[in-house]
PDB file of all heavy atoms in Angstrom:
ATOM      1  N   GLY A   1      16.622  12.615  24.466  1.00  0.00           N
ATOM      2  CA  GLY A   1      18.044  12.424  24.727  1.00  0.00           C
ATOM      3  C   GLY A   1      18.675  11.344  23.867  1.00  0.00           C
ATOM      4  O   GLY A   1      19.846  11.017  24.019  1.00  0.00           O
ATOM      5  N   GLY A   2      17.913  10.783  22.945  1.00  0.00           N
ATOM      6  CA  GLY A   2      18.436   9.729  22.071  1.00  0.00           C
ATOM      7  C   GLY A   2      19.086  10.312  20.829  1.00  0.00           C
ATOM      8  O   GLY A   2      19.479  11.485  20.785  1.00  0.00           O
ATOM      9  N   LEU A   3      19.213   9.500  19.826  1.00  0.00           N
ATOM     10  CA  LEU A   3      19.804   9.946  18.569  1.00  0.00           C
ATOM     11  C   LEU A   3      18.893  10.968  17.894  1.00  0.00           C
ATOM     12  O   LEU A   3      17.699  10.715  17.720  1.00  0.00           O
ATOM     13  CB  LEU A   3      20.019   8.752  17.631  1.00  0.00           C
ATOM     14  CG  LEU A   3      20.958   7.666  18.144  1.00  0.00           C
ATOM     15  CD1 LEU A   3      20.908   6.455  17.226  1.00  0.00           C
ATOM     16  CD2 LEU A   3      22.368   8.197  18.237  1.00  0.00           C
ATOM     17  N   PRO A   4      19.419  12.100  17.472  1.00  0.00           N
ATOM     18  CA  PRO A   4      18.549  13.129  16.877  1.00  0.00           C
ATOM     19  C   PRO A   4      18.003  12.738  15.504  1.00  0.00           C
ATOM     20  O   PRO A   4      16.937  13.188  15.122  1.00  0.00           O
ATOM     21  CB  PRO A   4      19.461  14.352  16.765  1.00  0.00           C
ATOM     22  CG  PRO A   4      20.839  13.835  16.860  1.00  0.00           C
ATOM     23  CD  PRO A   4      20.789  12.535  17.613  1.00  0.00           C
ATOM     24  N   GLU A   5      18.703  11.891  14.757  1.00  0.00           N
ATOM     25  CA  GLU A   5      18.236  11.528  13.415  1.00  0.00           C
ATOM     26  C   GLU A   5      17.339  10.284  13.420  1.00  0.00           C
ATOM     27  O   GLU A   5      16.868   9.858  12.385  1.00  0.00           O
ATOM     28  CB  GLU A   5      19.427  11.307  12.473  1.00  0.00           C
ATOM     29  CG  GLU A   5      20.273  10.090  12.790  1.00  0.00           C
ATOM     30  CD  GLU A   5      21.356  10.338  13.825  1.00  0.00           C
ATOM     31  OE1 GLU A   5      21.548  11.474  14.237  1.00  0.00           O
ATOM     32  OE2 GLU A   5      21.994   9.366  14.229  1.00  0.00           O
ATOM     33  N   PHE A   6      17.102   9.707  14.589  1.00  0.00           N
ATOM     34  CA  PHE A   6      16.272   8.514  14.685  1.00  0.00           C
ATOM     35  C   PHE A   6      14.808   8.864  14.478  1.00  0.00           C
ATOM     36  O   PHE A   6      14.300   9.823  15.055  1.00  0.00           O
ATOM     37  CB  PHE A   6      16.442   7.846  16.054  1.00  0.00           C
ATOM     38  CG  PHE A   6      15.627   6.604  16.225  1.00  0.00           C
ATOM     39  CD1 PHE A   6      16.033   5.415  15.661  1.00  0.00           C
ATOM     40  CD2 PHE A   6      14.441   6.636  16.921  1.00  0.00           C
ATOM     41  CE1 PHE A   6      15.281   4.270  15.812  1.00  0.00           C
ATOM     42  CE2 PHE A   6      13.684   5.492  17.072  1.00  0.00           C
ATOM     43  CZ  PHE A   6      14.107   4.313  16.521  1.00  0.00           C
ATOM     44  N   THR A   7      14.126   8.096  13.629  1.00  0.00           N
ATOM     45  CA  THR A   7      12.682   8.257  13.448  1.00  0.00           C
ATOM     46  C   THR A   7      12.003   6.922  13.697  1.00  0.00           C
ATOM     47  O   THR A   7      12.478   5.871  13.264  1.00  0.00           O
ATOM     48  CB  THR A   7      12.326   8.751  12.036  1.00  0.00           C
ATOM     49  OG1 THR A   7      12.873   7.857  11.082  1.00  0.00           O
ATOM     50  CG2 THR A   7      12.842  10.141  11.792  1.00  0.00           C
ATOM     51  N   LEU A   8      10.925   6.978  14.400  1.00  0.00           N
ATOM     52  CA  LEU A   8      10.188   5.767  14.747  1.00  0.00           C
ATOM     53  C   LEU A   8       9.442   5.215  13.542  1.00  0.00           C
ATOM     54  O   LEU A   8       9.419   4.022  13.311  1.00  0.00           O
ATOM     55  CB  LEU A   8       9.218   6.084  15.889  1.00  0.00           C
ATOM     56  CG  LEU A   8       8.562   4.933  16.601  1.00  0.00           C
ATOM     57  CD1 LEU A   8       9.606   4.034  17.224  1.00  0.00           C
ATOM     58  CD2 LEU A   8       7.617   5.446  17.667  1.00  0.00           C
ATOM     59  N   MET A   9       8.827   6.100  12.771  1.00  0.00           N
ATOM     60  CA  MET A   9       8.079   5.692  11.582  1.00  0.00           C
ATOM     61  C   MET A   9       8.657   6.423  10.382  1.00  0.00           C
ATOM     62  O   MET A   9       8.707   7.649  10.367  1.00  0.00           O
ATOM     63  CB  MET A   9       6.599   6.017  11.751  1.00  0.00           C
ATOM     64  CG  MET A   9       5.969   5.333  12.946  1.00  0.00           C
ATOM     65  SD  MET A   9       4.241   5.724  13.125  1.00  0.00           S
ATOM     66  CE  MET A   9       3.539   4.593  11.971  1.00  0.00           C
ATOM     67  N   LYS A  10       9.069   5.675   9.382  1.00  0.00           N
ATOM     68  CA  LYS A  10       9.695   6.269   8.211  1.00  0.00           C
ATOM     69  C   LYS A  10       9.042   5.698   6.957  1.00  0.00           C
ATOM     70  O   LYS A  10       8.816   4.497   6.857  1.00  0.00           O
ATOM     71  CB  LYS A  10      11.191   5.943   8.221  1.00  0.00           C
ATOM     72  CG  LYS A  10      11.978   6.631   7.166  1.00  0.00           C
ATOM     73  CD  LYS A  10      13.457   6.348   7.350  1.00  0.00           C
ATOM     74  CE  LYS A  10      14.260   7.103   6.342  1.00  0.00           C
ATOM     75  NZ  LYS A  10      15.684   6.844   6.506  1.00  0.00           N
ATOM     76  N   TYR A  11       8.741   6.568   6.002  1.00  0.00           N
ATOM     77  CA  TYR A  11       8.101   6.154   4.766  1.00  0.00           C
ATOM     78  C   TYR A  11       9.035   6.465   3.600  1.00  0.00           C
ATOM     79  O   TYR A  11       9.531   7.576   3.481  1.00  0.00           O
ATOM     80  CB  TYR A  11       6.782   6.903   4.553  1.00  0.00           C
ATOM     81  CG  TYR A  11       5.783   6.693   5.664  1.00  0.00           C
ATOM     82  CD1 TYR A  11       5.660   7.609   6.691  1.00  0.00           C
ATOM     83  CD2 TYR A  11       4.973   5.578   5.669  1.00  0.00           C
ATOM     84  CE1 TYR A  11       4.746   7.426   7.704  1.00  0.00           C
ATOM     85  CE2 TYR A  11       4.051   5.385   6.671  1.00  0.00           C
ATOM     86  CZ  TYR A  11       3.942   6.304   7.687  1.00  0.00           C
ATOM     87  OH  TYR A  11       3.033   6.112   8.682  1.00  0.00           O
ATOM     88  N   THR A  12       9.236   5.480   2.741  1.00  0.00           N
ATOM     89  CA  THR A  12      10.000   5.724   1.522  1.00  0.00           C
ATOM     90  C   THR A  12       9.032   5.741   0.344  1.00  0.00           C
ATOM     91  O   THR A  12       7.916   5.227   0.431  1.00  0.00           O
ATOM     92  CB  THR A  12      11.071   4.638   1.294  1.00  0.00           C
ATOM     93  OG1 THR A  12      10.414   3.383   1.103  1.00  0.00           O
ATOM     94  CG2 THR A  12      12.024   4.548   2.474  1.00  0.00           C
ATOM     95  N   VAL A  13       9.458   6.328  -0.744  1.00  0.00           N
ATOM     96  CA  VAL A  13       8.609   6.422  -1.934  1.00  0.00           C
ATOM     97  C   VAL A  13       8.253   5.028  -2.443  1.00  0.00           C
ATOM     98  O   VAL A  13       7.120   4.765  -2.834  1.00  0.00           O
ATOM     99  CB  VAL A  13       9.310   7.253  -3.025  1.00  0.00           C
ATOM    100  CG1 VAL A  13       8.501   7.254  -4.311  1.00  0.00           C
ATOM    101  CG2 VAL A  13       9.539   8.664  -2.549  1.00  0.00           C
ATOM    102  N   VAL A  14       9.208   4.112  -2.404  1.00  0.00           N
ATOM    103  CA  VAL A  14       8.963   2.741  -2.877  1.00  0.00           C
ATOM    104  C   VAL A  14       7.905   2.062  -2.007  1.00  0.00           C
ATOM    105  O   VAL A  14       7.003   1.392  -2.528  1.00  0.00           O
ATOM    106  CB  VAL A  14      10.277   1.932  -2.888  1.00  0.00           C
ATOM    107  CG1 VAL A  14      10.030   0.484  -3.236  1.00  0.00           C
ATOM    108  CG2 VAL A  14      11.274   2.554  -3.845  1.00  0.00           C
ATOM    109  N   ASP A  15       7.981   2.238  -0.697  1.00  0.00           N
ATOM    110  CA  ASP A  15       6.981   1.649   0.193  1.00  0.00           C
ATOM    111  C   ASP A  15       5.587   2.211  -0.080  1.00  0.00           C
ATOM    112  O   ASP A  15       4.609   1.471  -0.125  1.00  0.00           O
ATOM    113  CB  ASP A  15       7.344   1.907   1.660  1.00  0.00           C
ATOM    114  CG  ASP A  15       8.605   1.189   2.086  1.00  0.00           C
ATOM    115  OD1 ASP A  15       8.953   0.165   1.450  1.00  0.00           O
ATOM    116  OD2 ASP A  15       9.239   1.649   3.051  1.00  0.00           O
ATOM    117  N   ILE A  16       5.515   3.511  -0.278  1.00  0.00           N
ATOM    118  CA  ILE A  16       4.224   4.154  -0.546  1.00  0.00           C
ATOM    119  C   ILE A  16       3.633   3.642  -1.858  1.00  0.00           C
ATOM    120  O   ILE A  16       2.451   3.306  -1.934  1.00  0.00           O
ATOM    121  CB  ILE A  16       4.388   5.681  -0.574  1.00  0.00           C
ATOM    122  CG1 ILE A  16       4.727   6.188   0.822  1.00  0.00           C
ATOM    123  CG2 ILE A  16       3.129   6.359  -1.100  1.00  0.00           C
ATOM    124  CD1 ILE A  16       5.164   7.622   0.863  1.00  0.00           C
ATOM    125  N   LEU A  17       4.459   3.553  -2.893  1.00  0.00           N
ATOM    126  CA  LEU A  17       3.973   3.065  -4.184  1.00  0.00           C
ATOM    127  C   LEU A  17       3.549   1.601  -4.108  1.00  0.00           C
ATOM    128  O   LEU A  17       2.557   1.205  -4.720  1.00  0.00           O
ATOM    129  CB  LEU A  17       5.033   3.269  -5.260  1.00  0.00           C
ATOM    130  CG  LEU A  17       5.325   4.724  -5.622  1.00  0.00           C
ATOM    131  CD1 LEU A  17       6.459   4.798  -6.639  1.00  0.00           C
ATOM    132  CD2 LEU A  17       4.093   5.414  -6.143  1.00  0.00           C
ATOM    133  N   ASN A  18       4.280   0.789  -3.351  1.00  0.00           N
ATOM    134  CA  ASN A  18       3.912  -0.621  -3.189  1.00  0.00           C
ATOM    135  C   ASN A  18       2.562  -0.756  -2.497  1.00  0.00           C
ATOM    136  O   ASN A  18       1.712  -1.555  -2.915  1.00  0.00           O
ATOM    137  CB  ASN A  18       4.979  -1.371  -2.398  1.00  0.00           C
ATOM    138  CG  ASN A  18       6.193  -1.684  -3.226  1.00  0.00           C
ATOM    139  OD1 ASN A  18       6.137  -1.742  -4.456  1.00  0.00           O
ATOM    140  ND2 ASN A  18       7.309  -1.876  -2.573  1.00  0.00           N
ATOM    141  N   VAL A  19       2.344   0.011  -1.449  1.00  0.00           N
ATOM    142  CA  VAL A  19       1.070  -0.052  -0.729  1.00  0.00           C
ATOM    143  C   VAL A  19      -0.071   0.416  -1.630  1.00  0.00           C
ATOM    144  O   VAL A  19      -1.142  -0.205  -1.674  1.00  0.00           O
ATOM    145  CB  VAL A  19       1.141   0.781   0.569  1.00  0.00           C
ATOM    146  CG1 VAL A  19      -0.230   0.960   1.183  1.00  0.00           C
ATOM    147  CG2 VAL A  19       2.078   0.124   1.557  1.00  0.00           C
ATOM    148  N   MET A  20       0.148   1.493  -2.369  1.00  0.00           N
ATOM    149  CA  MET A  20      -0.898   1.986  -3.269  1.00  0.00           C
ATOM    150  C   MET A  20      -1.205   0.957  -4.353  1.00  0.00           C
ATOM    151  O   MET A  20      -2.367   0.754  -4.713  1.00  0.00           O
ATOM    152  CB  MET A  20      -0.476   3.315  -3.884  1.00  0.00           C
ATOM    153  CG  MET A  20      -0.496   4.461  -2.896  1.00  0.00           C
ATOM    154  SD  MET A  20       0.051   6.018  -3.579  1.00  0.00           S
ATOM    155  CE  MET A  20      -1.350   6.428  -4.608  1.00  0.00           C
ATOM    156  N   PHE A  21      -0.190   0.283  -4.875  1.00  0.00           N
ATOM    157  CA  PHE A  21      -0.405  -0.752  -5.887  1.00  0.00           C
ATOM    158  C   PHE A  21      -1.225  -1.905  -5.322  1.00  0.00           C
ATOM    159  O   PHE A  21      -2.168  -2.380  -5.964  1.00  0.00           O
ATOM    160  CB  PHE A  21       0.939  -1.259  -6.420  1.00  0.00           C
ATOM    161  CG  PHE A  21       0.798  -2.421  -7.354  1.00  0.00           C
ATOM    162  CD1 PHE A  21       0.339  -2.232  -8.647  1.00  0.00           C
ATOM    163  CD2 PHE A  21       1.098  -3.705  -6.940  1.00  0.00           C
ATOM    164  CE1 PHE A  21       0.194  -3.299  -9.506  1.00  0.00           C
ATOM    165  CE2 PHE A  21       0.954  -4.787  -7.792  1.00  0.00           C
ATOM    166  CZ  PHE A  21       0.507  -4.574  -9.083  1.00  0.00           C
ATOM    167  N   VAL A  22      -0.893  -2.349  -4.112  1.00  0.00           N
ATOM    168  CA  VAL A  22      -1.628  -3.465  -3.504  1.00  0.00           C
ATOM    169  C   VAL A  22      -3.085  -3.067  -3.252  1.00  0.00           C
ATOM    170  O   VAL A  22      -4.009  -3.852  -3.505  1.00  0.00           O
ATOM    171  CB  VAL A  22      -0.934  -3.925  -2.202  1.00  0.00           C
ATOM    172  CG1 VAL A  22      -1.806  -4.881  -1.416  1.00  0.00           C
ATOM    173  CG2 VAL A  22       0.397  -4.572  -2.527  1.00  0.00           C
ATOM    174  N   ILE A  23      -3.309  -1.846  -2.778  1.00  0.00           N
ATOM    175  CA  ILE A  23      -4.685  -1.376  -2.541  1.00  0.00           C
ATOM    176  C   ILE A  23      -5.479  -1.350  -3.842  1.00  0.00           C
ATOM    177  O   ILE A  23      -6.623  -1.807  -3.906  1.00  0.00           O
ATOM    178  CB  ILE A  23      -4.668   0.019  -1.883  1.00  0.00           C
ATOM    179  CG1 ILE A  23      -4.163  -0.082  -0.448  1.00  0.00           C
ATOM    180  CG2 ILE A  23      -6.054   0.653  -1.903  1.00  0.00           C
ATOM    181  CD1 ILE A  23      -3.889   1.257   0.202  1.00  0.00           C
ATOM    182  N   MET A  24      -4.870  -0.834  -4.910  1.00  0.00           N
ATOM    183  CA  MET A  24      -5.573  -0.774  -6.195  1.00  0.00           C
ATOM    184  C   MET A  24      -5.805  -2.173  -6.773  1.00  0.00           C
ATOM    185  O   MET A  24      -6.840  -2.428  -7.378  1.00  0.00           O
ATOM    186  CB  MET A  24      -4.796   0.099  -7.169  1.00  0.00           C
ATOM    187  CG  MET A  24      -4.890   1.572  -6.843  1.00  0.00           C
ATOM    188  SD  MET A  24      -4.221   2.666  -8.091  1.00  0.00           S
ATOM    189  CE  MET A  24      -2.481   2.393  -7.909  1.00  0.00           C
ATOM    190  N   LEU A  25      -4.868  -3.092  -6.565  1.00  0.00           N
ATOM    191  CA  LEU A  25      -5.037  -4.469  -7.033  1.00  0.00           C
ATOM    192  C   LEU A  25      -6.199  -5.147  -6.313  1.00  0.00           C
ATOM    193  O   LEU A  25      -7.037  -5.803  -6.944  1.00  0.00           O
ATOM    194  CB  LEU A  25      -3.745  -5.264  -6.835  1.00  0.00           C
ATOM    195  CG  LEU A  25      -3.790  -6.722  -7.257  1.00  0.00           C
ATOM    196  CD1 LEU A  25      -3.969  -6.836  -8.767  1.00  0.00           C
ATOM    197  CD2 LEU A  25      -2.531  -7.446  -6.812  1.00  0.00           C
ATOM    198  N   ILE A  26      -6.278  -4.973  -5.003  1.00  0.00           N
ATOM    199  CA  ILE A  26      -7.378  -5.567  -4.236  1.00  0.00           C
ATOM    200  C   ILE A  26      -8.716  -4.972  -4.676  1.00  0.00           C
ATOM    201  O   ILE A  26      -9.702  -5.698  -4.860  1.00  0.00           O
ATOM    202  CB  ILE A  26      -7.150  -5.364  -2.729  1.00  0.00           C
ATOM    203  CG1 ILE A  26      -5.974  -6.225  -2.265  1.00  0.00           C
ATOM    204  CG2 ILE A  26      -8.405  -5.702  -1.927  1.00  0.00           C
ATOM    205  CD1 ILE A  26      -5.515  -5.944  -0.853  1.00  0.00           C
ATOM    206  N   ALA A  27      -8.765  -3.662  -4.879  1.00  0.00           N
ATOM    207  CA  ALA A  27     -10.011  -3.025  -5.330  1.00  0.00           C
ATOM    208  C   ALA A  27     -10.397  -3.510  -6.718  1.00  0.00           C
ATOM    209  O   ALA A  27     -11.582  -3.761  -6.992  1.00  0.00           O
ATOM    210  CB  ALA A  27      -9.845  -1.508  -5.321  1.00  0.00           C
ATOM    211  N   PHE A  28      -9.426  -3.675  -7.600  1.00  0.00           N
ATOM    212  CA  PHE A  28      -9.705  -4.168  -8.946  1.00  0.00           C
ATOM    213  C   PHE A  28     -10.266  -5.589  -8.903  1.00  0.00           C
ATOM    214  O   PHE A  28     -11.263  -5.894  -9.559  1.00  0.00           O
ATOM    215  CB  PHE A  28      -8.425  -4.141  -9.788  1.00  0.00           C
ATOM    216  CG  PHE A  28      -8.577  -4.754 -11.141  1.00  0.00           C
ATOM    217  CD1 PHE A  28      -9.232  -4.078 -12.155  1.00  0.00           C
ATOM    218  CD2 PHE A  28      -8.073  -6.022 -11.405  1.00  0.00           C
ATOM    219  CE1 PHE A  28      -9.377  -4.647 -13.405  1.00  0.00           C
ATOM    220  CE2 PHE A  28      -8.212  -6.596 -12.647  1.00  0.00           C
ATOM    221  CZ  PHE A  28      -8.867  -5.910 -13.657  1.00  0.00           C
ATOM    222  N   LEU A  29      -9.641  -6.459  -8.107  1.00  0.00           N
ATOM    223  CA  LEU A  29     -10.111  -7.843  -8.011  1.00  0.00           C
ATOM    224  C   LEU A  29     -11.480  -7.917  -7.342  1.00  0.00           C
ATOM    225  O   LEU A  29     -12.318  -8.736  -7.732  1.00  0.00           O
ATOM    226  CB  LEU A  29      -9.094  -8.686  -7.248  1.00  0.00           C
ATOM    227  CG  LEU A  29      -7.771  -8.921  -7.969  1.00  0.00           C
ATOM    228  CD1 LEU A  29      -6.808  -9.679  -7.070  1.00  0.00           C
ATOM    229  CD2 LEU A  29      -7.977  -9.649  -9.283  1.00  0.00           C
ATOM    230  N   ALA A  30     -11.719  -7.069  -6.347  1.00  0.00           N
ATOM    231  CA  ALA A  30     -13.011  -7.074  -5.660  1.00  0.00           C
ATOM    232  C   ALA A  30     -14.140  -6.657  -6.590  1.00  0.00           C
ATOM    233  O   ALA A  30     -15.284  -7.071  -6.406  1.00  0.00           O
ATOM    234  CB  ALA A  30     -12.959  -6.150  -4.444  1.00  0.00           C
ATOM    235  N   GLY A  31     -13.852  -5.858  -7.587  1.00  0.00           N
ATOM    236  CA  GLY A  31     -14.879  -5.458  -8.538  1.00  0.00           C
ATOM    237  C   GLY A  31     -14.972  -6.370  -9.739  1.00  0.00           C
ATOM    238  O   GLY A  31     -16.053  -6.599 -10.286  1.00  0.00           O
ATOM    239  N   THR A  32     -13.846  -6.922 -10.153  1.00  0.00           N
ATOM    240  CA  THR A  32     -13.803  -7.714 -11.379  1.00  0.00           C
ATOM    241  C   THR A  32     -14.288  -9.147 -11.184  1.00  0.00           C
ATOM    242  O   THR A  32     -15.036  -9.661 -12.022  1.00  0.00           O
ATOM    243  CB  THR A  32     -12.366  -7.735 -11.933  1.00  0.00           C
ATOM    244  OG1 THR A  32     -11.934  -6.399 -12.110  1.00  0.00           O
ATOM    245  CG2 THR A  32     -12.295  -8.465 -13.252  1.00  0.00           C
ATOM    246  N   LEU A  33     -13.866  -9.798 -10.122  1.00  0.00           N
ATOM    247  CA  LEU A  33     -14.199 -11.216  -9.949  1.00  0.00           C
ATOM    248  C   LEU A  33     -15.704 -11.472  -9.822  1.00  0.00           C
ATOM    249  O   LEU A  33     -16.231 -12.363 -10.492  1.00  0.00           O
ATOM    250  CB  LEU A  33     -13.420 -11.794  -8.767  1.00  0.00           C
ATOM    251  CG  LEU A  33     -11.905 -11.840  -8.968  1.00  0.00           C
ATOM    252  CD1 LEU A  33     -11.218 -12.406  -7.725  1.00  0.00           C
ATOM    253  CD2 LEU A  33     -11.518 -12.631 -10.201  1.00  0.00           C
ATOM    254  N   PRO A  34     -16.455 -10.726  -9.017  1.00  0.00           N
ATOM    255  CA  PRO A  34     -17.905 -10.954  -8.979  1.00  0.00           C
ATOM    256  C   PRO A  34     -18.585 -10.626 -10.317  1.00  0.00           C
ATOM    257  O   PRO A  34     -19.523 -11.311 -10.730  1.00  0.00           O
ATOM    258  CB  PRO A  34     -18.402 -10.019  -7.882  1.00  0.00           C
ATOM    259  CG  PRO A  34     -17.225  -9.752  -7.039  1.00  0.00           C
ATOM    260  CD  PRO A  34     -16.050  -9.794  -7.957  1.00  0.00           C
ATOM    261  N   ALA A  35     -18.102  -9.592 -11.007  1.00  0.00           N
ATOM    262  CA  ALA A  35     -18.692  -9.240 -12.300  1.00  0.00           C
ATOM    263  C   ALA A  35     -18.422 -10.331 -13.327  1.00  0.00           C
ATOM    264  O   ALA A  35     -19.281 -10.651 -14.154  1.00  0.00           O
ATOM    265  CB  ALA A  35     -18.131  -7.909 -12.785  1.00  0.00           C
ATOM    266  N   ARG A  36     -17.240 -10.895 -13.275  1.00  0.00           N
ATOM    267  CA  ARG A  36     -16.892 -11.987 -14.197  1.00  0.00           C
ATOM    268  C   ARG A  36     -17.777 -13.205 -13.947  1.00  0.00           C
ATOM    269  O   ARG A  36     -18.238 -13.851 -14.885  1.00  0.00           O
ATOM    270  CB  ARG A  36     -15.422 -12.334 -14.010  1.00  0.00           C
ATOM    271  CG  ARG A  36     -14.889 -13.287 -15.004  1.00  0.00           C
ATOM    272  CD  ARG A  36     -13.406 -13.431 -14.827  1.00  0.00           C
ATOM    273  NE  ARG A  36     -12.919 -14.459 -15.715  1.00  0.00           N
ATOM    274  CZ  ARG A  36     -11.733 -14.996 -15.633  1.00  0.00           C
ATOM    275  NH1 ARG A  36     -10.902 -14.582 -14.711  1.00  0.00           N
ATOM    276  NH2 ARG A  36     -11.370 -15.927 -16.466  1.00  0.00           N
ATOM    277  N   LYS A  37     -18.006 -13.504 -12.674  1.00  0.00           N
ATOM    278  CA  LYS A  37     -18.880 -14.634 -12.336  1.00  0.00           C
ATOM    279  C   LYS A  37     -20.306 -14.362 -12.803  1.00  0.00           C
ATOM    280  O   LYS A  37     -20.989 -15.260 -13.292  1.00  0.00           O
ATOM    281  CB  LYS A  37     -18.856 -14.863 -10.826  1.00  0.00           C
ATOM    282  CG  LYS A  37     -19.690 -16.026 -10.381  1.00  0.00           C
ATOM    283  CD  LYS A  37     -19.623 -16.193  -8.882  1.00  0.00           C
ATOM    284  CE  LYS A  37     -20.547 -17.308  -8.442  1.00  0.00           C
ATOM    285  NZ  LYS A  37     -20.597 -17.445  -6.990  1.00  0.00           N
ATOM    286  N   ALA A  38     -20.756 -13.117 -12.667  1.00  0.00           N
ATOM    287  CA  ALA A  38     -22.126 -12.763 -13.064  1.00  0.00           C
ATOM    288  C   ALA A  38     -22.320 -12.866 -14.566  1.00  0.00           C
ATOM    289  O   ALA A  38     -23.420 -13.204 -15.023  1.00  0.00           O
ATOM    290  CB  ALA A  38     -22.449 -11.351 -12.589  1.00  0.00           C
TER     291      ALA A  38
END
């Protein structure tokens, strides 16, 4: 009975790309930093 266009969870392309970038950055650092130390 609320607003028909209301969505509880909404994803934008910019948000998705930002999250994917952060995930790839963390994975890159997790692999690179120990190898660099070694």
